[in-house]
Amino acid sequence: MTTSGRDRVIDDAARRGILVEIVERPPASSLEEVAAGLGLEPSEIVKTLVVKRHDGDFVFALVPGDRQISWAKLRALVNVNKLSMPHQDVARDATGYERGTITPLGSTTAWPVFADERIVGRRIALGAGEHGLSAFVDADQLLDSYGATIADITDELKPREA
């Protein structure tokens, strides 16, 4: 029997001593709508990005919803010249999760975690292993359990072109 993504998140969180609350995410067409539906600020919704290193390994980058990854900052921190976002199929193979559901919790491989410093000390929502769900966790518990590297790895979101 295959374990669901949600169950993998719950099981891994329990093994790590992390309290996790899985909630249904209301339908929404923007980050602001998702945040409002969950009773959060956009910065409390954390995107888990799978980033490919030049050597073929991966890292997780935890980025507040209202910010974007800074490639220059992350490259310097990871100490590599090249990082990229892999194709969604590659990300799924690396984590066992589809894009939009990715979380370090329950990933098929425990890749190193790099987290933006702005999530420290907060209760955050991140992917829960399945579409339509969010996992609420204490960011500090999550980061501690992974021995995450915490630094400024983001920039302000650039406004979208009209």
N, C-alpha and C. Protein backbone atom coordinates (compact mmCIF):
# COMPACT_ATOMS: atom_id res chain seq x y z
N MET A 1 0.84 -1.19 0.00
CA MET A 1 0.00 0.00 0.00
C MET A 1 0.88 1.25 0.00
N THR A 2 0.53 2.19 -0.84
CA THR A 2 1.27 3.43 -0.93
C THR A 2 0.78 4.41 0.12
N THR A 3 1.70 5.05 0.81
CA THR A 3 1.34 6.04 1.82
C THR A 3 1.06 7.36 1.13
N SER A 4 -0.01 8.03 1.51
CA SER A 4 -0.36 9.31 0.90
C SER A 4 0.66 10.38 1.31
N GLY A 5 0.73 11.43 0.51
CA GLY A 5 1.62 12.54 0.84
C GLY A 5 1.29 13.14 2.20
N ARG A 6 0.01 13.30 2.46
CA ARG A 6 -0.43 13.84 3.75
C ARG A 6 0.07 12.96 4.90
N ASP A 7 -0.08 11.64 4.75
CA ASP A 7 0.36 10.73 5.81
C ASP A 7 1.88 10.79 5.99
N ARG A 8 2.62 10.92 4.89
CA ARG A 8 4.08 11.03 5.00
C ARG A 8 4.46 12.28 5.77
N VAL A 9 3.76 13.38 5.54
CA VAL A 9 4.02 14.62 6.27
C VAL A 9 3.75 14.42 7.76
N ILE A 10 2.61 13.86 8.07
CA ILE A 10 2.22 13.65 9.48
C ILE A 10 3.20 12.71 10.17
N ASP A 11 3.55 11.61 9.52
CA ASP A 11 4.47 10.62 10.11
C ASP A 11 5.86 11.21 10.35
N ASP A 12 6.38 11.94 9.36
CA ASP A 12 7.72 12.54 9.51
C ASP A 12 7.71 13.60 10.60
N ALA A 13 6.67 14.43 10.64
CA ALA A 13 6.57 15.45 11.69
C ALA A 13 6.56 14.79 13.07
N ALA A 14 5.80 13.70 13.22
CA ALA A 14 5.74 13.00 14.50
C ALA A 14 7.11 12.45 14.88
N ARG A 15 7.82 11.86 13.93
CA ARG A 15 9.16 11.32 14.22
C ARG A 15 10.12 12.43 14.66
N ARG A 16 9.92 13.62 14.12
CA ARG A 16 10.80 14.75 14.43
C ARG A 16 10.33 15.55 15.65
N GLY A 17 9.18 15.20 16.20
CA GLY A 17 8.66 15.93 17.35
C GLY A 17 8.08 17.29 17.00
N ILE A 18 7.60 17.40 15.77
CA ILE A 18 7.03 18.67 15.30
C ILE A 18 5.51 18.55 15.33
N LEU A 19 4.87 19.51 15.97
CA LEU A 19 3.41 19.56 15.95
C LEU A 19 2.99 20.09 14.59
N VAL A 20 2.12 19.36 13.91
CA VAL A 20 1.66 19.77 12.58
C VAL A 20 0.15 19.70 12.55
N GLU A 21 -0.45 20.71 11.93
CA GLU A 21 -1.90 20.74 11.74
C GLU A 21 -2.14 20.82 10.24
N ILE A 22 -2.82 19.82 9.70
CA ILE A 22 -3.14 19.79 8.28
C ILE A 22 -4.54 20.37 8.10
N VAL A 23 -4.66 21.37 7.23
CA VAL A 23 -5.96 22.00 6.98
C VAL A 23 -6.22 22.05 5.48
N GLU A 24 -7.51 22.04 5.14
CA GLU A 24 -7.88 22.23 3.74
C GLU A 24 -7.65 23.68 3.38
N ARG A 25 -7.05 23.86 2.22
CA ARG A 25 -6.78 25.22 1.73
C ARG A 25 -7.96 25.62 0.84
N PRO A 26 -8.59 26.75 1.14
CA PRO A 26 -9.73 27.17 0.33
C PRO A 26 -9.27 27.54 -1.09
N PRO A 27 -10.14 27.34 -2.08
CA PRO A 27 -9.79 27.73 -3.44
C PRO A 27 -9.47 29.22 -3.48
N ALA A 28 -8.46 29.58 -4.23
CA ALA A 28 -8.06 30.99 -4.31
C ALA A 28 -7.29 31.20 -5.61
N SER A 29 -7.28 32.44 -6.06
CA SER A 29 -6.57 32.75 -7.30
C SER A 29 -5.33 33.61 -7.07
N SER A 30 -5.02 33.88 -5.81
CA SER A 30 -3.82 34.68 -5.52
C SER A 30 -3.29 34.32 -4.13
N LEU A 31 -2.04 34.69 -3.90
CA LEU A 31 -1.43 34.48 -2.59
C LEU A 31 -2.25 35.18 -1.51
N GLU A 32 -2.69 36.39 -1.79
CA GLU A 32 -3.46 37.15 -0.81
C GLU A 32 -4.76 36.44 -0.44
N GLU A 33 -5.43 35.84 -1.44
CA GLU A 33 -6.67 35.11 -1.18
C GLU A 33 -6.40 33.84 -0.35
N VAL A 34 -5.33 33.14 -0.69
CA VAL A 34 -4.97 31.95 0.09
C VAL A 34 -4.69 32.34 1.54
N ALA A 35 -3.88 33.39 1.71
CA ALA A 35 -3.54 33.84 3.06
C ALA A 35 -4.79 34.22 3.85
N ALA A 36 -5.67 35.00 3.23
CA ALA A 36 -6.89 35.41 3.91
C ALA A 36 -7.74 34.20 4.27
N GLY A 37 -7.83 33.24 3.37
CA GLY A 37 -8.62 32.03 3.63
C GLY A 37 -8.07 31.19 4.76
N LEU A 38 -6.76 31.29 4.99
CA LEU A 38 -6.13 30.54 6.08
C LEU A 38 -5.94 31.38 7.34
N GLY A 39 -6.33 32.65 7.28
CA GLY A 39 -6.17 33.54 8.43
C GLY A 39 -4.73 33.94 8.68
N LEU A 40 -3.95 34.06 7.61
CA LEU A 40 -2.52 34.38 7.71
C LEU A 40 -2.16 35.62 6.91
N GLU A 41 -0.98 36.12 7.17
CA GLU A 41 -0.37 37.13 6.31
C GLU A 41 0.32 36.38 5.17
N PRO A 42 0.44 37.00 3.99
CA PRO A 42 1.14 36.33 2.88
C PRO A 42 2.55 35.87 3.25
N SER A 43 3.22 36.58 4.14
CA SER A 43 4.58 36.20 4.54
C SER A 43 4.62 34.92 5.38
N GLU A 44 3.45 34.50 5.91
CA GLU A 44 3.40 33.30 6.73
C GLU A 44 3.11 32.03 5.91
N ILE A 45 2.86 32.22 4.62
CA ILE A 45 2.75 31.09 3.71
C ILE A 45 4.13 30.90 3.12
N VAL A 46 4.71 29.74 3.33
CA VAL A 46 6.10 29.50 2.94
C VAL A 46 6.15 28.53 1.76
N LYS A 47 6.81 28.98 0.71
CA LYS A 47 7.01 28.13 -0.47
C LYS A 47 8.24 27.27 -0.23
N THR A 48 8.10 25.98 -0.47
CA THR A 48 9.25 25.07 -0.42
C THR A 48 9.69 24.85 -1.85
N LEU A 49 10.85 25.40 -2.20
CA LEU A 49 11.37 25.27 -3.56
C LEU A 49 12.45 24.21 -3.60
N VAL A 50 12.38 23.35 -4.60
CA VAL A 50 13.42 22.35 -4.83
C VAL A 50 14.41 23.00 -5.78
N VAL A 51 15.65 23.10 -5.34
CA VAL A 51 16.69 23.76 -6.13
C VAL A 51 17.76 22.73 -6.46
N LYS A 52 18.12 22.69 -7.73
CA LYS A 52 19.12 21.72 -8.19
C LYS A 52 20.51 22.37 -8.19
N ARG A 53 21.44 21.66 -7.59
CA ARG A 53 22.84 22.09 -7.60
C ARG A 53 23.49 21.63 -8.90
N HIS A 54 24.60 22.22 -9.25
CA HIS A 54 25.30 21.85 -10.49
C HIS A 54 25.78 20.40 -10.48
N ASP A 55 25.96 19.82 -9.28
CA ASP A 55 26.45 18.45 -9.19
C ASP A 55 25.33 17.41 -9.26
N GLY A 56 24.08 17.89 -9.41
CA GLY A 56 22.94 17.00 -9.54
C GLY A 56 22.18 16.76 -8.26
N ASP A 57 22.74 17.15 -7.11
CA ASP A 57 22.01 17.06 -5.85
C ASP A 57 21.03 18.22 -5.74
N PHE A 58 20.22 18.18 -4.70
CA PHE A 58 19.19 19.19 -4.52
C PHE A 58 19.28 19.79 -3.12
N VAL A 59 18.65 20.94 -2.95
CA VAL A 59 18.43 21.54 -1.64
C VAL A 59 17.00 22.06 -1.62
N PHE A 60 16.47 22.21 -0.42
CA PHE A 60 15.18 22.87 -0.24
C PHE A 60 15.46 24.32 0.13
N ALA A 61 14.72 25.24 -0.47
CA ALA A 61 14.77 26.65 -0.09
C ALA A 61 13.39 27.03 0.41
N LEU A 62 13.31 27.48 1.65
CA LEU A 62 12.04 27.89 2.25
C LEU A 62 11.93 29.41 2.15
N VAL A 63 10.93 29.86 1.39
CA VAL A 63 10.80 31.26 1.01
C VAL A 63 9.43 31.80 1.41
N PRO A 64 9.39 32.92 2.16
CA PRO A 64 8.08 33.50 2.48
C PRO A 64 7.31 33.83 1.21
N GLY A 65 5.99 33.66 1.27
CA GLY A 65 5.15 33.85 0.09
C GLY A 65 5.22 35.21 -0.54
N ASP A 66 5.54 36.22 0.25
CA ASP A 66 5.58 37.58 -0.29
C ASP A 66 6.98 37.98 -0.77
N ARG A 67 7.87 36.99 -0.91
CA ARG A 67 9.25 37.27 -1.35
C ARG A 67 9.64 36.27 -2.43
N GLN A 68 10.76 36.50 -3.06
CA GLN A 68 11.27 35.58 -4.07
C GLN A 68 12.70 35.20 -3.75
N ILE A 69 13.09 34.05 -4.22
CA ILE A 69 14.44 33.56 -3.98
C ILE A 69 15.46 34.51 -4.61
N SER A 70 16.53 34.76 -3.91
CA SER A 70 17.66 35.52 -4.45
C SER A 70 18.72 34.52 -4.87
N TRP A 71 18.87 34.33 -6.17
CA TRP A 71 19.81 33.33 -6.66
C TRP A 71 21.23 33.64 -6.23
N ALA A 72 21.60 34.91 -6.26
CA ALA A 72 22.97 35.29 -5.88
C ALA A 72 23.23 34.96 -4.41
N LYS A 73 22.29 35.30 -3.54
CA LYS A 73 22.46 35.03 -2.11
C LYS A 73 22.51 33.53 -1.83
N LEU A 74 21.63 32.77 -2.48
CA LEU A 74 21.61 31.33 -2.23
C LEU A 74 22.86 30.65 -2.79
N ARG A 75 23.30 31.06 -3.98
CA ARG A 75 24.54 30.49 -4.54
C ARG A 75 25.72 30.72 -3.59
N ALA A 76 25.82 31.92 -3.05
CA ALA A 76 26.92 32.23 -2.13
C ALA A 76 26.83 31.36 -0.87
N LEU A 77 25.63 31.17 -0.36
CA LEU A 77 25.43 30.40 0.86
C LEU A 77 25.71 28.91 0.63
N VAL A 78 25.28 28.38 -0.52
CA VAL A 78 25.49 26.98 -0.84
C VAL A 78 26.92 26.75 -1.33
N ASN A 79 27.58 27.84 -1.67
CA ASN A 79 28.97 27.82 -2.14
C ASN A 79 29.12 27.09 -3.48
N VAL A 80 28.23 27.46 -4.41
CA VAL A 80 28.28 26.92 -5.77
C VAL A 80 28.12 28.07 -6.76
N ASN A 81 28.52 27.82 -8.00
CA ASN A 81 28.38 28.83 -9.05
C ASN A 81 27.06 28.75 -9.78
N LYS A 82 26.40 27.58 -9.72
CA LYS A 82 25.18 27.41 -10.49
C LYS A 82 24.12 26.66 -9.70
N LEU A 83 22.92 27.23 -9.69
CA LEU A 83 21.73 26.60 -9.12
C LEU A 83 20.61 26.79 -10.13
N SER A 84 19.65 25.88 -10.13
CA SER A 84 18.52 26.04 -11.04
C SER A 84 17.28 25.39 -10.46
N MET A 85 16.14 25.78 -11.02
CA MET A 85 14.87 25.15 -10.67
C MET A 85 14.68 23.99 -11.63
N PRO A 86 14.59 22.77 -11.13
CA PRO A 86 14.42 21.64 -12.03
C PRO A 86 13.01 21.57 -12.60
N HIS A 87 12.85 20.84 -13.67
CA HIS A 87 11.53 20.56 -14.23
C HIS A 87 10.68 19.91 -13.15
N GLN A 88 9.38 20.11 -13.22
CA GLN A 88 8.49 19.57 -12.18
C GLN A 88 8.60 18.06 -12.02
N ASP A 89 8.87 17.34 -13.10
CA ASP A 89 9.03 15.88 -13.00
C ASP A 89 10.28 15.52 -12.20
N VAL A 90 11.34 16.30 -12.39
CA VAL A 90 12.59 16.07 -11.66
C VAL A 90 12.37 16.37 -10.18
N ALA A 91 11.67 17.47 -9.88
CA ALA A 91 11.37 17.82 -8.48
C ALA A 91 10.53 16.72 -7.83
N ARG A 92 9.57 16.18 -8.56
CA ARG A 92 8.74 15.10 -8.01
C ARG A 92 9.59 13.86 -7.72
N ASP A 93 10.49 13.53 -8.65
CA ASP A 93 11.35 12.37 -8.44
C ASP A 93 12.29 12.57 -7.25
N ALA A 94 12.71 13.82 -7.02
CA ALA A 94 13.65 14.13 -5.93
C ALA A 94 12.99 14.14 -4.56
N THR A 95 11.65 14.39 -4.53
CA THR A 95 10.97 14.56 -3.25
C THR A 95 9.80 13.61 -3.02
N GLY A 96 9.25 13.08 -4.10
CA GLY A 96 8.03 12.28 -3.98
C GLY A 96 6.77 13.12 -3.97
N TYR A 97 6.92 14.43 -4.15
CA TYR A 97 5.78 15.34 -4.12
C TYR A 97 5.66 16.11 -5.44
N GLU A 98 4.42 16.40 -5.83
CA GLU A 98 4.18 17.24 -6.99
C GLU A 98 4.39 18.70 -6.62
N ARG A 99 4.76 19.51 -7.61
CA ARG A 99 4.92 20.95 -7.38
C ARG A 99 3.61 21.48 -6.82
N GLY A 100 3.70 22.38 -5.86
CA GLY A 100 2.52 22.92 -5.19
C GLY A 100 2.17 22.17 -3.92
N THR A 101 2.81 21.02 -3.69
CA THR A 101 2.55 20.23 -2.48
C THR A 101 3.85 19.96 -1.72
N ILE A 102 4.97 20.45 -2.25
CA ILE A 102 6.29 20.09 -1.73
C ILE A 102 6.54 20.68 -0.35
N THR A 103 7.14 19.85 0.48
CA THR A 103 7.56 20.21 1.82
C THR A 103 8.76 19.33 2.17
N PRO A 104 9.64 19.80 3.04
CA PRO A 104 10.71 18.89 3.49
C PRO A 104 10.15 17.70 4.26
N LEU A 105 9.03 17.90 4.95
CA LEU A 105 8.44 16.85 5.78
C LEU A 105 7.97 15.68 4.90
N GLY A 106 8.54 14.52 5.14
CA GLY A 106 8.13 13.33 4.43
C GLY A 106 8.72 13.20 3.04
N SER A 107 9.62 14.09 2.68
CA SER A 107 10.27 13.98 1.37
C SER A 107 10.98 12.63 1.28
N THR A 108 11.00 12.05 0.09
CA THR A 108 11.64 10.75 -0.09
C THR A 108 13.14 10.83 0.17
N THR A 109 13.72 12.02 0.04
CA THR A 109 15.12 12.25 0.41
C THR A 109 15.17 13.50 1.28
N ALA A 110 15.92 13.44 2.37
CA ALA A 110 16.04 14.58 3.29
C ALA A 110 17.15 15.51 2.79
N TRP A 111 16.83 16.30 1.78
CA TRP A 111 17.80 17.24 1.22
C TRP A 111 18.11 18.34 2.24
N PRO A 112 19.28 18.97 2.15
CA PRO A 112 19.59 20.08 3.05
C PRO A 112 18.54 21.20 2.91
N VAL A 113 18.25 21.85 4.02
CA VAL A 113 17.24 22.92 4.05
C VAL A 113 17.92 24.26 4.27
N PHE A 114 17.60 25.21 3.41
CA PHE A 114 18.04 26.59 3.53
C PHE A 114 16.78 27.43 3.68
N ALA A 115 16.70 28.20 4.75
CA ALA A 115 15.48 28.94 5.05
C ALA A 115 15.76 30.43 5.16
N ASP A 116 14.82 31.21 4.63
CA ASP A 116 14.95 32.65 4.77
C ASP A 116 14.74 33.04 6.23
N GLU A 117 15.57 33.93 6.71
CA GLU A 117 15.56 34.33 8.12
C GLU A 117 14.24 34.95 8.55
N ARG A 118 13.43 35.39 7.62
CA ARG A 118 12.17 36.06 7.96
C ARG A 118 11.10 35.11 8.50
N ILE A 119 11.32 33.79 8.38
CA ILE A 119 10.30 32.86 8.89
C ILE A 119 10.59 32.42 10.32
N VAL A 120 11.75 32.75 10.84
CA VAL A 120 12.12 32.37 12.20
C VAL A 120 11.14 32.98 13.20
N GLY A 121 10.74 32.17 14.18
CA GLY A 121 9.88 32.65 15.25
C GLY A 121 8.42 32.76 14.88
N ARG A 122 8.04 32.18 13.76
CA ARG A 122 6.66 32.32 13.29
C ARG A 122 5.97 30.97 13.15
N ARG A 123 4.67 31.01 13.16
CA ARG A 123 3.86 29.84 12.78
C ARG A 123 3.60 30.01 11.30
N ILE A 124 3.94 29.01 10.52
CA ILE A 124 3.86 29.12 9.07
C ILE A 124 2.99 28.01 8.48
N ALA A 125 2.57 28.23 7.26
CA ALA A 125 1.85 27.21 6.49
C ALA A 125 2.71 26.86 5.29
N LEU A 126 2.85 25.57 5.03
CA LEU A 126 3.61 25.14 3.86
C LEU A 126 2.90 23.94 3.23
N GLY A 127 3.45 23.46 2.12
CA GLY A 127 2.86 22.33 1.44
C GLY A 127 2.64 21.17 2.40
N ALA A 128 1.60 20.38 2.10
CA ALA A 128 1.26 19.26 2.99
C ALA A 128 1.27 17.93 2.26
N GLY A 129 1.97 17.87 1.12
CA GLY A 129 2.11 16.61 0.43
C GLY A 129 0.99 16.26 -0.53
N GLU A 130 -0.09 17.04 -0.49
CA GLU A 130 -1.23 16.81 -1.38
C GLU A 130 -1.84 18.16 -1.75
N HIS A 131 -2.39 18.22 -2.97
CA HIS A 131 -3.05 19.45 -3.41
C HIS A 131 -4.25 19.76 -2.53
N GLY A 132 -4.49 21.06 -2.31
CA GLY A 132 -5.64 21.50 -1.53
C GLY A 132 -5.44 21.46 -0.04
N LEU A 133 -4.22 21.15 0.41
CA LEU A 133 -3.93 21.09 1.84
C LEU A 133 -2.75 21.98 2.20
N SER A 134 -2.75 22.48 3.41
CA SER A 134 -1.60 23.20 3.96
C SER A 134 -1.24 22.60 5.30
N ALA A 135 0.04 22.63 5.62
CA ALA A 135 0.52 22.14 6.91
C ALA A 135 0.97 23.33 7.74
N PHE A 136 0.34 23.53 8.88
CA PHE A 136 0.75 24.58 9.82
C PHE A 136 1.78 23.99 10.77
N VAL A 137 2.91 24.67 10.89
CA VAL A 137 3.96 24.23 11.81
C VAL A 137 4.62 25.45 12.44
N ASP A 138 5.30 25.19 13.54
CA ASP A 138 6.15 26.19 14.16
C ASP A 138 7.46 26.18 13.37
N ALA A 139 7.80 27.31 12.76
CA ALA A 139 8.99 27.35 11.90
C ALA A 139 10.24 26.94 12.66
N ASP A 140 10.38 27.36 13.90
CA ASP A 140 11.59 27.05 14.66
C ASP A 140 11.74 25.54 14.87
N GLN A 141 10.63 24.85 15.19
CA GLN A 141 10.69 23.40 15.33
C GLN A 141 11.12 22.75 14.02
N LEU A 142 10.54 23.20 12.92
CA LEU A 142 10.87 22.63 11.61
C LEU A 142 12.34 22.85 11.28
N LEU A 143 12.80 24.08 11.44
CA LEU A 143 14.18 24.41 11.09
C LEU A 143 15.18 23.67 11.98
N ASP A 144 14.87 23.60 13.27
CA ASP A 144 15.76 22.88 14.20
C ASP A 144 15.85 21.40 13.83
N SER A 145 14.71 20.80 13.49
CA SER A 145 14.69 19.36 13.21
C SER A 145 15.49 19.01 11.96
N TYR A 146 15.66 19.94 11.06
CA TYR A 146 16.44 19.70 9.84
C TYR A 146 17.85 20.26 9.91
N GLY A 147 18.20 20.91 11.00
CA GLY A 147 19.51 21.56 11.06
C GLY A 147 19.65 22.57 9.94
N ALA A 148 18.56 23.28 9.67
CA ALA A 148 18.51 24.19 8.53
C ALA A 148 19.54 25.31 8.64
N THR A 149 20.01 25.73 7.49
CA THR A 149 20.84 26.92 7.39
C THR A 149 19.89 28.10 7.23
N ILE A 150 19.97 29.06 8.14
CA ILE A 150 19.06 30.19 8.16
C ILE A 150 19.83 31.45 7.78
N ALA A 151 19.34 32.15 6.76
CA ALA A 151 20.02 33.34 6.28
C ALA A 151 19.06 34.16 5.43
N ASP A 152 19.51 35.31 5.01
CA ASP A 152 18.75 36.14 4.07
C ASP A 152 18.97 35.55 2.69
N ILE A 153 17.97 34.82 2.18
CA ILE A 153 18.10 34.19 0.85
C ILE A 153 17.04 34.68 -0.12
N THR A 154 16.38 35.80 0.23
CA THR A 154 15.29 36.28 -0.64
C THR A 154 15.45 37.77 -0.96
N ASP A 155 14.67 38.17 -1.92
CA ASP A 155 14.51 39.58 -2.30
C ASP A 155 13.01 39.88 -2.30
N GLU A 156 12.69 41.18 -2.33
CA GLU A 156 11.29 41.56 -2.47
C GLU A 156 10.79 41.07 -3.80
N LEU A 157 9.50 40.74 -3.84
CA LEU A 157 8.89 40.33 -5.11
C LEU A 157 8.90 41.51 -6.06
N LYS A 158 9.25 41.25 -7.29
CA LYS A 158 9.19 42.30 -8.31
C LYS A 158 7.76 42.35 -8.82
N PRO A 159 7.24 43.56 -9.03
CA PRO A 159 5.85 43.65 -9.56
C PRO A 159 5.78 42.99 -10.94
N ARG A 160 4.67 42.33 -11.20
CA ARG A 160 4.48 41.67 -12.49
C ARG A 160 4.18 42.71 -13.56
N GLU A 161 4.67 42.42 -14.74
CA GLU A 161 4.40 43.30 -15.89
C GLU A 161 2.92 43.20 -16.25
N ALA A 162 2.34 44.31 -16.62
CA ALA A 162 0.91 44.33 -16.99
C ALA A 162 0.73 43.75 -18.39
